[in-house]
Amino acid sequence: VTAIELDLPAGAVDESDWARDKGIPSLEHPGTMVFMGTVAFSKSIRLPADADVGVKIVYQACQGQICNPPDSISLTLAP
């Protein structure tokens, strides 16, 4: 399952839910969506001037029936 955690600065306003490309329902894990190739996630956030945003993305890559262990990446997005 892909999860995106935001560390928003004081004064930030989260204005929308996450939008994402359409996935394919998993046959092995009902209620879980599977994404092929590149996928885009987006949301609207109003930020104070010159604010940084911390982002942690947790994901798992699979090929066929074989999946790698879950992994994550943390980023800081600066204006």
N, C-alpha and C. Protein backbone atom coordinates (compact mmCIF):
# COMPACT_ATOMS: atom_id res chain seq x y z
N VAL A 1 0.85 -1.17 0.00
CA VAL A 1 0.00 0.00 0.00
C VAL A 1 0.90 1.24 0.00
N THR A 2 0.62 2.17 -0.89
CA THR A 2 1.37 3.42 -0.95
C THR A 2 0.78 4.39 0.06
N ALA A 3 1.65 5.01 0.86
CA ALA A 3 1.21 6.00 1.83
C ALA A 3 2.10 7.23 1.70
N ILE A 4 1.49 8.39 1.77
CA ILE A 4 2.23 9.65 1.69
C ILE A 4 1.91 10.45 2.95
N GLU A 5 2.96 10.78 3.70
CA GLU A 5 2.82 11.55 4.93
C GLU A 5 3.46 12.91 4.71
N LEU A 6 2.72 13.96 5.04
CA LEU A 6 3.23 15.33 4.89
C LEU A 6 3.56 15.92 6.25
N ASP A 7 4.65 16.65 6.32
CA ASP A 7 5.01 17.42 7.50
C ASP A 7 4.86 18.89 7.10
N LEU A 8 3.68 19.44 7.39
CA LEU A 8 3.37 20.80 6.94
C LEU A 8 3.81 21.83 7.97
N PRO A 9 4.30 22.98 7.51
CA PRO A 9 4.70 24.04 8.44
C PRO A 9 3.48 24.72 9.05
N ALA A 10 3.71 25.45 10.12
CA ALA A 10 2.65 26.23 10.75
C ALA A 10 2.07 27.19 9.71
N GLY A 11 0.76 27.33 9.72
CA GLY A 11 0.10 28.24 8.79
C GLY A 11 -0.28 27.61 7.47
N ALA A 12 0.13 26.36 7.23
CA ALA A 12 -0.24 25.68 5.99
C ALA A 12 -1.70 25.23 6.06
N VAL A 13 -2.38 25.24 4.92
CA VAL A 13 -3.78 24.81 4.86
C VAL A 13 -3.89 23.70 3.82
N ASP A 14 -4.29 22.53 4.27
CA ASP A 14 -4.51 21.38 3.39
C ASP A 14 -5.88 21.57 2.74
N GLU A 15 -5.91 21.80 1.44
CA GLU A 15 -7.15 22.18 0.76
C GLU A 15 -7.85 21.06 -0.01
N SER A 16 -7.25 19.87 -0.08
CA SER A 16 -7.91 18.81 -0.85
C SER A 16 -7.45 17.43 -0.39
N ASP A 17 -8.21 16.44 -0.80
CA ASP A 17 -7.79 15.05 -0.61
C ASP A 17 -6.76 14.72 -1.68
N TRP A 18 -6.09 13.59 -1.53
CA TRP A 18 -5.14 13.16 -2.55
C TRP A 18 -5.88 12.77 -3.82
N ALA A 19 -5.37 13.20 -4.95
CA ALA A 19 -5.84 12.73 -6.25
C ALA A 19 -4.73 11.83 -6.79
N ARG A 20 -5.10 10.77 -7.47
CA ARG A 20 -4.10 9.84 -8.00
C ARG A 20 -4.60 9.21 -9.28
N ASP A 21 -3.65 8.67 -10.02
CA ASP A 21 -4.03 7.92 -11.21
C ASP A 21 -4.88 6.73 -10.78
N LYS A 22 -5.68 6.24 -11.71
CA LYS A 22 -6.55 5.10 -11.41
C LYS A 22 -5.71 3.83 -11.34
N GLY A 23 -5.90 3.08 -10.27
CA GLY A 23 -5.19 1.82 -10.10
C GLY A 23 -6.07 0.65 -10.52
N ILE A 24 -5.50 -0.54 -10.38
CA ILE A 24 -6.19 -1.79 -10.69
C ILE A 24 -6.41 -2.51 -9.37
N PRO A 25 -7.63 -2.99 -9.09
CA PRO A 25 -7.85 -3.70 -7.83
C PRO A 25 -6.96 -4.94 -7.74
N SER A 26 -6.33 -5.14 -6.58
CA SER A 26 -5.48 -6.30 -6.34
C SER A 26 -6.33 -7.55 -6.18
N LEU A 27 -5.92 -8.63 -6.84
CA LEU A 27 -6.63 -9.90 -6.69
C LEU A 27 -6.25 -10.58 -5.38
N GLU A 28 -5.02 -10.37 -4.92
CA GLU A 28 -4.53 -11.01 -3.70
C GLU A 28 -4.96 -10.28 -2.43
N HIS A 29 -5.16 -8.95 -2.53
CA HIS A 29 -5.46 -8.14 -1.35
C HIS A 29 -6.67 -7.25 -1.64
N PRO A 30 -7.89 -7.76 -1.41
CA PRO A 30 -9.09 -6.97 -1.69
C PRO A 30 -9.05 -5.60 -0.99
N GLY A 31 -9.47 -4.58 -1.70
CA GLY A 31 -9.49 -3.22 -1.16
C GLY A 31 -8.19 -2.47 -1.42
N THR A 32 -7.18 -3.16 -1.96
CA THR A 32 -5.90 -2.54 -2.28
C THR A 32 -5.81 -2.30 -3.77
N MET A 33 -5.30 -1.13 -4.15
CA MET A 33 -5.13 -0.81 -5.56
C MET A 33 -3.68 -1.04 -5.98
N VAL A 34 -3.50 -1.54 -7.20
CA VAL A 34 -2.19 -1.80 -7.77
C VAL A 34 -1.95 -0.79 -8.88
N PHE A 35 -0.74 -0.23 -8.94
CA PHE A 35 -0.39 0.74 -9.96
C PHE A 35 0.69 0.16 -10.85
N MET A 36 0.58 0.39 -12.14
CA MET A 36 1.56 -0.09 -13.11
C MET A 36 2.36 1.10 -13.65
N GLY A 37 3.67 0.93 -13.77
CA GLY A 37 4.50 1.98 -14.36
C GLY A 37 4.60 3.17 -13.43
N THR A 38 4.42 4.35 -13.99
CA THR A 38 4.52 5.60 -13.23
C THR A 38 3.14 6.02 -12.77
N VAL A 39 3.05 6.49 -11.54
CA VAL A 39 1.78 6.97 -11.00
C VAL A 39 2.00 8.37 -10.41
N ALA A 40 1.01 9.23 -10.54
CA ALA A 40 1.11 10.59 -10.01
C ALA A 40 0.09 10.77 -8.88
N PHE A 41 0.53 11.35 -7.77
CA PHE A 41 -0.32 11.72 -6.66
C PHE A 41 -0.24 13.23 -6.54
N SER A 42 -1.37 13.89 -6.27
CA SER A 42 -1.34 15.34 -6.12
C SER A 42 -2.40 15.79 -5.11
N LYS A 43 -2.18 16.97 -4.56
CA LYS A 43 -3.16 17.60 -3.66
C LYS A 43 -2.86 19.08 -3.60
N SER A 44 -3.82 19.86 -3.19
CA SER A 44 -3.65 21.31 -3.06
C SER A 44 -3.38 21.67 -1.62
N ILE A 45 -2.31 22.45 -1.42
CA ILE A 45 -1.94 22.93 -0.10
C ILE A 45 -1.57 24.40 -0.23
N ARG A 46 -2.11 25.22 0.63
CA ARG A 46 -1.73 26.64 0.66
C ARG A 46 -0.64 26.79 1.72
N LEU A 47 0.52 27.32 1.29
CA LEU A 47 1.68 27.43 2.17
C LEU A 47 2.04 28.89 2.43
N PRO A 48 2.59 29.15 3.62
CA PRO A 48 3.15 30.48 3.86
C PRO A 48 4.36 30.68 2.92
N ALA A 49 4.72 31.94 2.69
CA ALA A 49 5.86 32.24 1.82
C ALA A 49 7.12 31.58 2.35
N ASP A 50 7.93 31.08 1.44
CA ASP A 50 9.23 30.47 1.75
C ASP A 50 9.14 29.29 2.71
N ALA A 51 8.06 28.53 2.68
CA ALA A 51 7.90 27.40 3.59
C ALA A 51 8.38 26.11 2.92
N ASP A 52 9.03 25.26 3.70
CA ASP A 52 9.42 23.93 3.25
C ASP A 52 8.35 22.93 3.66
N VAL A 53 8.23 21.85 2.90
CA VAL A 53 7.29 20.78 3.23
C VAL A 53 8.06 19.47 3.28
N GLY A 54 7.90 18.73 4.36
CA GLY A 54 8.49 17.40 4.46
C GLY A 54 7.53 16.37 3.90
N VAL A 55 8.06 15.41 3.15
CA VAL A 55 7.23 14.37 2.55
C VAL A 55 7.89 13.02 2.78
N LYS A 56 7.13 12.05 3.28
CA LYS A 56 7.60 10.67 3.40
C LYS A 56 6.67 9.81 2.56
N ILE A 57 7.25 9.03 1.65
CA ILE A 57 6.48 8.15 0.79
C ILE A 57 6.86 6.71 1.11
N VAL A 58 5.87 5.91 1.47
CA VAL A 58 6.06 4.49 1.74
C VAL A 58 5.43 3.74 0.58
N TYR A 59 6.17 2.78 0.00
CA TYR A 59 5.69 2.08 -1.18
C TYR A 59 6.24 0.66 -1.21
N GLN A 60 5.69 -0.15 -2.10
CA GLN A 60 6.18 -1.50 -2.30
C GLN A 60 6.13 -1.81 -3.78
N ALA A 61 7.24 -2.25 -4.32
CA ALA A 61 7.32 -2.58 -5.75
C ALA A 61 7.21 -4.09 -5.92
N CYS A 62 6.42 -4.48 -6.92
CA CYS A 62 6.23 -5.91 -7.21
C CYS A 62 6.41 -6.14 -8.71
N GLN A 63 6.77 -7.37 -9.02
CA GLN A 63 6.83 -7.80 -10.42
C GLN A 63 6.23 -9.19 -10.47
N GLY A 64 5.09 -9.29 -11.14
CA GLY A 64 4.39 -10.57 -11.16
C GLY A 64 3.92 -10.92 -9.76
N GLN A 65 4.25 -12.11 -9.30
CA GLN A 65 3.84 -12.57 -7.96
C GLN A 65 4.90 -12.28 -6.89
N ILE A 66 6.01 -11.66 -7.29
CA ILE A 66 7.12 -11.41 -6.35
C ILE A 66 7.14 -9.93 -5.99
N CYS A 67 7.12 -9.65 -4.68
CA CYS A 67 7.15 -8.27 -4.20
C CYS A 67 8.39 -8.02 -3.35
N ASN A 68 8.99 -6.88 -3.54
CA ASN A 68 10.08 -6.44 -2.69
C ASN A 68 9.50 -6.04 -1.34
N PRO A 69 10.32 -6.02 -0.28
CA PRO A 69 9.82 -5.52 1.00
C PRO A 69 9.41 -4.06 0.86
N PRO A 70 8.47 -3.59 1.68
CA PRO A 70 8.11 -2.17 1.64
C PRO A 70 9.36 -1.30 1.86
N ASP A 71 9.37 -0.15 1.22
CA ASP A 71 10.48 0.79 1.33
C ASP A 71 9.90 2.19 1.49
N SER A 72 10.76 3.16 1.81
CA SER A 72 10.28 4.53 1.94
C SER A 72 11.38 5.48 1.52
N ILE A 73 10.94 6.69 1.20
CA ILE A 73 11.85 7.77 0.88
C ILE A 73 11.31 9.03 1.55
N SER A 74 12.21 9.82 2.12
CA SER A 74 11.83 11.09 2.75
C SER A 74 12.47 12.23 1.98
N LEU A 75 11.69 13.28 1.73
CA LEU A 75 12.15 14.44 0.96
C LEU A 75 11.74 15.72 1.67
N THR A 76 12.48 16.77 1.40
CA THR A 76 12.06 18.10 1.81
C THR A 76 11.88 18.92 0.54
N LEU A 77 10.68 19.44 0.35
CA LEU A 77 10.38 20.25 -0.81
C LEU A 77 10.47 21.73 -0.42
N ALA A 78 11.34 22.43 -1.10
CA ALA A 78 11.55 23.85 -0.80
C ALA A 78 11.03 24.70 -1.95
N PRO A 79 10.56 25.93 -1.65
CA PRO A 79 10.04 26.79 -2.71
C PRO A 79 11.13 27.22 -3.68
